[in-house]
């Protein structure tokens, strides 16, 4: 996996881009890339995604975004 975070976010697996087009999943990918090799709790991601005002469904939504990212990476 090759990750570039300076400039536009670029994440590639076997040369294939796995950056989602939707803004929130893209933001999750960027946040996880910046904290590589660290556990990032869903609550931390939710705080970042919704600027400290996460909706009640934030935990489930973050889990969905992570699942989408895993699927993108698996397909690559």
Protein backbone atom coordinates (compact mmCIF):
# COMPACT_ATOMS: atom_id res chain seq x y z
CA UNK A 1 0.00 0.00 0.00
CA UNK A 2 1.31 3.41 -0.96
CA UNK A 3 -0.08 6.45 0.87
CA UNK A 4 0.52 10.10 0.03
CA UNK A 5 -0.99 12.79 2.23
CA UNK A 6 0.90 15.89 1.10
CA UNK A 7 -1.16 17.57 -1.59
CA UNK A 8 -4.15 15.55 -2.71
CA UNK A 9 -4.80 12.35 -0.76
CA UNK A 10 -3.58 9.38 -2.80
CA UNK A 11 -3.77 5.80 -1.55
CA UNK A 12 -2.91 2.96 -3.90
CA UNK A 13 -2.92 -0.80 -3.56
CA UNK A 14 -1.07 -2.64 -6.34
CA UNK A 15 -1.13 0.61 -8.31
CA UNK A 16 -4.91 1.00 -8.06
CA UNK A 17 -6.41 4.00 -6.29
CA UNK A 18 -8.58 3.18 -3.27
CA UNK A 19 -9.56 6.75 -2.45
CA UNK A 20 -13.35 7.02 -2.21
CA UNK A 21 -15.16 9.78 -4.08
CA UNK A 22 -17.54 10.63 -1.21
CA UNK A 23 -16.13 13.32 1.12
CA UNK A 24 -16.68 11.70 4.54
CA UNK A 25 -15.20 8.26 3.68
CA UNK A 26 -12.30 10.10 2.01
CA UNK A 27 -11.81 12.09 5.23
CA UNK A 28 -11.83 8.86 7.29
CA UNK A 29 -9.17 7.39 5.00
CA UNK A 30 -7.06 10.52 5.37
CA UNK A 31 -7.40 10.52 9.15
CA UNK A 32 -6.45 6.85 9.36
CA UNK A 33 -3.49 7.42 7.04
CA UNK A 34 -2.22 10.23 9.24
CA UNK A 35 -2.41 7.94 12.27
CA UNK A 36 -0.90 4.84 10.70
CA UNK A 37 0.04 2.08 13.15
CA UNK A 38 -2.24 3.57 15.81
CA UNK A 39 -5.66 2.53 17.06
CA UNK A 40 -8.11 5.29 16.18
CA UNK A 41 -11.34 4.94 18.17
CA UNK A 42 -14.63 5.48 16.34
CA UNK A 43 -15.39 8.35 18.72
CA UNK A 44 -12.25 10.19 17.62
CA UNK A 45 -13.19 9.75 13.96
CA UNK A 46 -16.73 10.96 14.69
CA UNK A 47 -15.43 14.07 16.47
CA UNK A 48 -13.23 14.88 13.47
CA UNK A 49 -15.93 14.15 10.87
CA UNK A 50 -18.59 16.29 12.47
CA UNK A 51 -16.42 18.98 14.07
CA UNK A 52 -17.20 17.98 17.63
CA UNK A 53 -20.96 17.72 17.02
CA UNK A 54 -21.53 14.12 15.89
CA UNK A 55 -25.11 12.94 15.29
CA UNK A 56 -26.56 10.07 17.29
CA UNK A 57 -25.90 7.73 14.39
CA UNK A 58 -22.19 8.67 14.25
CA UNK A 59 -20.81 5.36 15.54
CA UNK A 60 -22.80 3.30 13.02
CA UNK A 61 -21.96 5.71 10.21
CA UNK A 62 -18.24 5.59 11.00
CA UNK A 63 -18.40 1.78 11.02
CA UNK A 64 -20.07 1.90 7.60
CA UNK A 65 -17.34 4.18 6.24
CA UNK A 66 -14.63 1.84 7.54
CA UNK A 67 -16.41 -1.16 5.98
CA UNK A 68 -16.55 0.69 2.64
CA UNK A 69 -12.82 1.41 2.87
CA UNK A 70 -12.05 -2.23 3.65
CA UNK A 71 -14.11 -3.29 0.63
CA UNK A 72 -12.24 -0.87 -1.65
CA UNK A 73 -8.89 -2.15 -0.40
CA UNK A 74 -9.95 -5.81 -0.70
CA UNK A 75 -11.08 -5.30 -4.31
CA UNK A 76 -7.74 -3.73 -5.22
